[in-house]
N, C-alpha and C. Protein backbone atom coordinates (compact mmCIF):
# COMPACT_ATOMS: atom_id res chain seq x y z
N THR A 1 5.61 1.64 -1.46
CA THR A 1 4.40 1.14 -0.83
C THR A 1 3.51 0.38 -1.80
N ALA A 2 3.63 0.67 -3.09
CA ALA A 2 2.79 0.00 -4.08
C ALA A 2 3.09 -1.50 -4.14
N LEU A 3 4.32 -1.88 -3.86
CA LEU A 3 4.69 -3.29 -3.88
C LEU A 3 4.41 -3.98 -2.54
N LEU A 4 4.42 -3.23 -1.47
CA LEU A 4 4.26 -3.81 -0.13
C LEU A 4 2.81 -4.00 0.29
N LEU A 5 1.95 -3.08 -0.08
CA LEU A 5 0.58 -3.10 0.42
C LEU A 5 -0.30 -4.24 -0.11
N PRO A 6 -0.29 -4.58 -1.40
CA PRO A 6 -1.18 -5.65 -1.86
C PRO A 6 -0.99 -6.99 -1.15
N PRO A 7 0.26 -7.48 -0.96
CA PRO A 7 0.39 -8.75 -0.22
C PRO A 7 -0.06 -8.65 1.24
N LEU A 8 0.17 -7.49 1.86
CA LEU A 8 -0.27 -7.30 3.24
C LEU A 8 -1.80 -7.29 3.33
N GLU A 9 -2.44 -6.63 2.37
CA GLU A 9 -3.90 -6.58 2.37
C GLU A 9 -4.50 -7.97 2.16
N GLU A 10 -3.87 -8.77 1.31
CA GLU A 10 -4.35 -10.14 1.11
C GLU A 10 -4.12 -10.98 2.36
N GLY A 11 -2.98 -10.79 2.98
CA GLY A 11 -2.63 -11.56 4.16
C GLY A 11 -3.49 -11.28 5.37
N ILE A 12 -4.05 -10.08 5.45
CA ILE A 12 -4.89 -9.72 6.59
C ILE A 12 -6.11 -10.62 6.68
N PHE A 13 -6.60 -11.09 5.54
CA PHE A 13 -7.80 -11.94 5.54
C PHE A 13 -7.49 -13.39 5.13
N SER A 14 -6.25 -13.80 5.33
CA SER A 14 -5.84 -15.17 5.02
C SER A 14 -6.52 -16.16 5.96
N PRO A 15 -6.77 -17.39 5.51
CA PRO A 15 -7.35 -18.40 6.41
C PRO A 15 -6.41 -18.81 7.54
N ASP A 16 -5.09 -18.68 7.34
CA ASP A 16 -4.11 -19.07 8.36
C ASP A 16 -3.89 -17.91 9.33
N TRP A 17 -4.09 -18.16 10.62
CA TRP A 17 -3.98 -17.09 11.61
C TRP A 17 -2.56 -16.54 11.70
N ARG A 18 -1.56 -17.35 11.42
CA ARG A 18 -0.18 -16.88 11.48
C ARG A 18 0.10 -15.83 10.40
N ILE A 19 -0.46 -16.05 9.23
CA ILE A 19 -0.31 -15.08 8.14
C ILE A 19 -1.07 -13.80 8.47
N ARG A 20 -2.27 -13.94 9.04
CA ARG A 20 -3.04 -12.75 9.45
C ARG A 20 -2.27 -11.94 10.49
N GLN A 21 -1.72 -12.62 11.49
CA GLN A 21 -1.00 -11.94 12.56
C GLN A 21 0.24 -11.25 12.01
N ALA A 22 1.00 -11.93 11.17
CA ALA A 22 2.21 -11.34 10.59
C ALA A 22 1.86 -10.15 9.69
N SER A 23 0.77 -10.26 8.93
CA SER A 23 0.36 -9.16 8.05
C SER A 23 -0.05 -7.94 8.85
N VAL A 24 -0.78 -8.14 9.92
CA VAL A 24 -1.20 -7.02 10.77
C VAL A 24 0.02 -6.37 11.42
N SER A 25 0.93 -7.20 11.90
CA SER A 25 2.14 -6.67 12.52
C SER A 25 2.98 -5.89 11.52
N LEU A 26 3.16 -6.43 10.33
CA LEU A 26 3.93 -5.73 9.30
C LEU A 26 3.23 -4.46 8.84
N LEU A 27 1.91 -4.49 8.77
CA LEU A 27 1.16 -3.29 8.41
C LEU A 27 1.38 -2.20 9.45
N GLY A 28 1.38 -2.57 10.72
CA GLY A 28 1.66 -1.60 11.77
C GLY A 28 3.04 -1.01 11.64
N THR A 29 4.02 -1.85 11.33
CA THR A 29 5.39 -1.35 11.13
C THR A 29 5.45 -0.44 9.92
N LEU A 30 4.79 -0.80 8.85
CA LEU A 30 4.77 0.02 7.64
C LEU A 30 4.15 1.38 7.94
N ILE A 31 3.07 1.40 8.66
CA ILE A 31 2.40 2.66 8.99
C ILE A 31 3.30 3.54 9.84
N THR A 32 3.92 2.96 10.87
CA THR A 32 4.72 3.79 11.76
C THR A 32 6.03 4.24 11.13
N ARG A 33 6.59 3.46 10.22
CA ARG A 33 7.88 3.81 9.63
C ARG A 33 7.78 4.61 8.33
N ILE A 34 6.85 4.25 7.48
CA ILE A 34 6.81 4.85 6.14
C ILE A 34 5.69 5.87 5.99
N LEU A 35 4.53 5.58 6.51
CA LEU A 35 3.38 6.43 6.24
C LEU A 35 3.22 7.57 7.24
N ARG A 36 4.10 7.64 8.23
CA ARG A 36 4.05 8.73 9.21
C ARG A 36 4.29 10.04 8.48
N PRO A 37 3.62 11.11 8.87
CA PRO A 37 3.93 12.41 8.26
C PRO A 37 5.42 12.71 8.37
N MET A 38 6.00 13.20 7.31
CA MET A 38 7.45 13.34 7.23
C MET A 38 8.01 14.35 8.23
N ASP A 39 7.25 15.36 8.61
CA ASP A 39 7.77 16.38 9.52
C ASP A 39 7.53 16.06 10.99
N ALA A 40 6.90 14.93 11.27
CA ALA A 40 6.57 14.59 12.65
C ALA A 40 7.66 13.71 13.25
N PRO A 41 8.20 14.11 14.40
CA PRO A 41 9.21 13.27 15.03
C PRO A 41 8.57 12.05 15.69
N PRO A 42 9.24 10.91 15.65
CA PRO A 42 8.68 9.72 16.29
C PRO A 42 8.80 9.82 17.80
N SER A 43 7.99 9.06 18.49
CA SER A 43 8.10 9.00 19.94
C SER A 43 9.27 8.09 20.29
N ALA A 44 9.53 7.91 21.58
CA ALA A 44 10.67 7.12 22.03
C ALA A 44 10.58 5.67 21.56
N ASP A 45 9.34 5.13 21.47
CA ASP A 45 9.19 3.74 21.05
C ASP A 45 8.94 3.60 19.55
N GLY A 46 8.98 4.69 18.81
CA GLY A 46 8.82 4.64 17.35
C GLY A 46 7.38 4.71 16.90
N ALA A 47 6.44 4.80 17.83
CA ALA A 47 5.02 4.84 17.47
C ALA A 47 4.62 6.27 17.09
N LEU A 48 3.47 6.38 16.46
CA LEU A 48 2.95 7.69 16.12
C LEU A 48 2.55 8.43 17.38
N GLN A 49 2.74 9.72 17.37
CA GLN A 49 2.28 10.54 18.48
C GLN A 49 0.75 10.54 18.48
N PRO A 50 0.10 10.72 19.63
CA PRO A 50 -1.37 10.69 19.67
C PRO A 50 -2.03 11.71 18.75
N THR A 51 -1.36 12.84 18.48
CA THR A 51 -1.98 13.85 17.63
C THR A 51 -1.82 13.53 16.15
N GLN A 52 -0.94 12.59 15.83
CA GLN A 52 -0.75 12.20 14.44
C GLN A 52 -1.75 11.10 14.10
N ASP A 53 -2.26 11.14 12.91
CA ASP A 53 -3.25 10.16 12.51
C ASP A 53 -2.95 9.74 11.09
N LEU A 54 -3.18 8.48 10.80
CA LEU A 54 -2.93 7.99 9.45
C LEU A 54 -3.81 8.72 8.43
N MET A 55 -5.00 9.12 8.82
CA MET A 55 -5.89 9.80 7.88
C MET A 55 -5.34 11.17 7.50
N ALA A 56 -4.40 11.72 8.28
CA ALA A 56 -3.81 13.01 7.96
C ALA A 56 -2.57 12.87 7.08
N SER A 57 -2.11 11.67 6.88
CA SER A 57 -0.91 11.43 6.08
C SER A 57 -1.20 11.71 4.61
N GLU A 58 -0.18 12.23 3.91
CA GLU A 58 -0.36 12.54 2.49
C GLU A 58 0.37 11.55 1.59
N VAL A 59 0.91 10.48 2.16
CA VAL A 59 1.66 9.51 1.37
C VAL A 59 0.72 8.67 0.51
N LEU A 60 -0.43 8.29 1.05
CA LEU A 60 -1.43 7.51 0.33
C LEU A 60 -2.67 8.34 0.08
N SER A 61 -3.44 7.92 -0.91
CA SER A 61 -4.71 8.60 -1.16
C SER A 61 -5.67 8.35 0.00
N ARG A 62 -6.64 9.19 0.15
CA ARG A 62 -7.61 9.07 1.24
C ARG A 62 -8.36 7.75 1.17
N GLU A 63 -8.72 7.30 -0.04
CA GLU A 63 -9.43 6.03 -0.20
C GLU A 63 -8.57 4.86 0.23
N ARG A 64 -7.30 4.91 -0.11
CA ARG A 64 -6.37 3.83 0.24
C ARG A 64 -6.15 3.77 1.75
N ARG A 65 -6.02 4.93 2.37
CA ARG A 65 -5.87 4.98 3.83
C ARG A 65 -7.12 4.43 4.50
N ALA A 66 -8.28 4.82 4.00
CA ALA A 66 -9.53 4.32 4.58
C ALA A 66 -9.66 2.81 4.39
N PHE A 67 -9.23 2.32 3.26
CA PHE A 67 -9.26 0.88 3.00
C PHE A 67 -8.37 0.13 4.00
N LEU A 68 -7.16 0.64 4.23
CA LEU A 68 -6.24 0.01 5.18
C LEU A 68 -6.80 0.04 6.60
N LEU A 69 -7.30 1.19 7.01
CA LEU A 69 -7.82 1.31 8.36
C LEU A 69 -9.08 0.49 8.56
N SER A 70 -9.92 0.39 7.55
CA SER A 70 -11.13 -0.43 7.69
C SER A 70 -10.75 -1.91 7.80
N SER A 71 -9.76 -2.34 7.05
CA SER A 71 -9.29 -3.72 7.18
C SER A 71 -8.74 -3.98 8.57
N LEU A 72 -7.97 -3.05 9.07
CA LEU A 72 -7.40 -3.18 10.40
C LEU A 72 -8.49 -3.21 11.47
N TYR A 73 -9.51 -2.39 11.30
CA TYR A 73 -10.61 -2.37 12.26
C TYR A 73 -11.39 -3.68 12.24
N ILE A 74 -11.59 -4.25 11.07
CA ILE A 74 -12.31 -5.52 10.95
C ILE A 74 -11.53 -6.64 11.64
N VAL A 75 -10.22 -6.65 11.47
CA VAL A 75 -9.40 -7.71 12.04
C VAL A 75 -9.32 -7.59 13.57
N ARG A 76 -9.69 -6.46 14.12
CA ARG A 76 -9.73 -6.32 15.58
C ARG A 76 -10.73 -7.29 16.21
N SER A 77 -11.64 -7.82 15.43
CA SER A 77 -12.61 -8.79 15.96
C SER A 77 -12.36 -10.20 15.43
N ASP A 78 -11.10 -10.51 15.16
CA ASP A 78 -10.71 -11.82 14.64
C ASP A 78 -11.00 -12.91 15.66
N ASP A 79 -11.19 -14.14 15.17
CA ASP A 79 -11.44 -15.29 16.06
C ASP A 79 -10.22 -15.63 16.91
N ASN A 80 -9.04 -15.44 16.35
CA ASN A 80 -7.81 -15.80 17.05
C ASN A 80 -7.38 -14.67 17.98
N LEU A 81 -7.08 -15.02 19.22
CA LEU A 81 -6.71 -14.02 20.23
C LEU A 81 -5.43 -13.28 19.88
N VAL A 82 -4.44 -13.97 19.32
CA VAL A 82 -3.17 -13.34 18.97
C VAL A 82 -3.38 -12.29 17.88
N VAL A 83 -4.15 -12.64 16.87
CA VAL A 83 -4.43 -11.70 15.77
C VAL A 83 -5.23 -10.52 16.30
N ARG A 84 -6.23 -10.81 17.12
CA ARG A 84 -7.09 -9.77 17.68
C ARG A 84 -6.28 -8.78 18.53
N SER A 85 -5.41 -9.28 19.38
CA SER A 85 -4.63 -8.38 20.24
C SER A 85 -3.60 -7.59 19.44
N THR A 86 -2.99 -8.21 18.42
CA THR A 86 -2.04 -7.49 17.57
C THR A 86 -2.75 -6.37 16.81
N ALA A 87 -3.92 -6.68 16.25
CA ALA A 87 -4.68 -5.66 15.52
C ALA A 87 -5.11 -4.54 16.46
N GLY A 88 -5.51 -4.88 17.67
CA GLY A 88 -5.91 -3.85 18.64
C GLY A 88 -4.76 -2.94 19.01
N SER A 89 -3.58 -3.50 19.21
CA SER A 89 -2.45 -2.66 19.57
C SER A 89 -2.00 -1.79 18.40
N VAL A 90 -2.04 -2.33 17.17
CA VAL A 90 -1.70 -1.52 16.00
C VAL A 90 -2.72 -0.40 15.83
N TRP A 91 -4.00 -0.71 16.00
CA TRP A 91 -5.05 0.30 15.88
C TRP A 91 -4.81 1.43 16.88
N LYS A 92 -4.53 1.08 18.13
CA LYS A 92 -4.31 2.09 19.16
C LYS A 92 -3.07 2.94 18.87
N SER A 93 -2.08 2.36 18.21
CA SER A 93 -0.87 3.12 17.93
C SER A 93 -1.03 4.08 16.76
N VAL A 94 -1.98 3.83 15.86
CA VAL A 94 -2.12 4.69 14.68
C VAL A 94 -3.36 5.57 14.69
N VAL A 95 -4.33 5.26 15.52
CA VAL A 95 -5.57 6.05 15.55
C VAL A 95 -5.68 6.73 16.91
N SER A 96 -5.74 8.05 16.88
CA SER A 96 -5.82 8.79 18.14
C SER A 96 -7.26 9.01 18.59
N ASN A 97 -8.20 9.07 17.66
CA ASN A 97 -9.59 9.33 17.99
C ASN A 97 -10.46 8.32 17.25
N THR A 98 -10.78 7.21 17.90
CA THR A 98 -11.52 6.14 17.25
C THR A 98 -12.89 6.57 16.73
N PRO A 99 -13.73 7.25 17.52
CA PRO A 99 -15.04 7.63 16.98
C PRO A 99 -14.96 8.53 15.75
N LYS A 100 -14.05 9.49 15.76
CA LYS A 100 -13.90 10.38 14.61
C LYS A 100 -13.42 9.59 13.38
N THR A 101 -12.45 8.71 13.60
CA THR A 101 -11.92 7.92 12.49
C THR A 101 -12.99 6.99 11.93
N LEU A 102 -13.76 6.35 12.80
CA LEU A 102 -14.82 5.46 12.33
C LEU A 102 -15.89 6.21 11.55
N LYS A 103 -16.17 7.42 11.96
CA LYS A 103 -17.14 8.24 11.21
C LYS A 103 -16.64 8.49 9.79
N GLU A 104 -15.35 8.74 9.65
CA GLU A 104 -14.77 8.95 8.32
C GLU A 104 -14.71 7.66 7.51
N LEU A 105 -14.52 6.53 8.21
CA LEU A 105 -14.36 5.24 7.54
C LEU A 105 -15.68 4.53 7.23
N LEU A 106 -16.76 4.98 7.79
CA LEU A 106 -18.01 4.22 7.75
C LEU A 106 -18.43 3.74 6.36
N PRO A 107 -18.43 4.56 5.31
CA PRO A 107 -18.84 4.03 4.00
C PRO A 107 -17.96 2.88 3.50
N ILE A 108 -16.66 3.04 3.61
CA ILE A 108 -15.76 1.99 3.14
C ILE A 108 -15.81 0.79 4.07
N LEU A 109 -15.94 1.03 5.36
CA LEU A 109 -16.03 -0.07 6.32
C LEU A 109 -17.26 -0.92 6.05
N MET A 110 -18.38 -0.32 5.78
CA MET A 110 -19.60 -1.08 5.47
C MET A 110 -19.43 -1.87 4.18
N LYS A 111 -18.81 -1.26 3.18
CA LYS A 111 -18.57 -1.96 1.92
C LYS A 111 -17.66 -3.17 2.14
N ARG A 112 -16.61 -3.00 2.94
CA ARG A 112 -15.69 -4.10 3.22
C ARG A 112 -16.38 -5.22 4.00
N LEU A 113 -17.21 -4.86 4.98
CA LEU A 113 -17.92 -5.87 5.76
C LEU A 113 -18.86 -6.68 4.88
N ILE A 114 -19.56 -6.02 3.97
CA ILE A 114 -20.49 -6.72 3.08
C ILE A 114 -19.71 -7.64 2.14
N GLN A 115 -18.56 -7.17 1.61
CA GLN A 115 -17.74 -8.00 0.75
C GLN A 115 -17.23 -9.23 1.50
N ASN A 116 -16.80 -9.03 2.74
CA ASN A 116 -16.27 -10.14 3.53
C ASN A 116 -17.36 -11.14 3.90
N LEU A 117 -18.56 -10.66 4.17
CA LEU A 117 -19.66 -11.57 4.47
C LEU A 117 -20.07 -12.40 3.25
N GLY A 118 -19.89 -11.82 2.07
CA GLY A 118 -20.25 -12.52 0.85
C GLY A 118 -19.16 -13.43 0.30
N SER A 119 -17.95 -13.36 0.89
CA SER A 119 -16.86 -14.20 0.40
C SER A 119 -16.97 -15.63 0.94
N GLU A 120 -16.28 -16.53 0.29
CA GLU A 120 -16.36 -17.94 0.66
C GLU A 120 -15.48 -18.29 1.84
N SER A 121 -14.39 -17.54 2.06
CA SER A 121 -13.47 -17.90 3.15
C SER A 121 -13.74 -17.14 4.43
């Protein structure tokens, strides 16, 4: 995951919508295939079960998980409809309780929003 995550994180905020959409889609695949808790069986479609949450996974540190989820949450409000819908579907597949998750993510989410507002792109 150390080699896969940095390019995906950069791609999520790329100026090109195709790169953003592909990065979000690949991030969703990475989460469902690699970061799923090891003892949890996948559902029929390969998605996380509603009771499983990325924040409960022990593969990544809590800060790293919060960083990924905050990026995914920000991209849910993308200008491009394709990116926005892809991010929304990935969010719904990995987060079972949005209000609880947002409460946990709030400090990092605010930091990410301020950084993105201050960036040039």
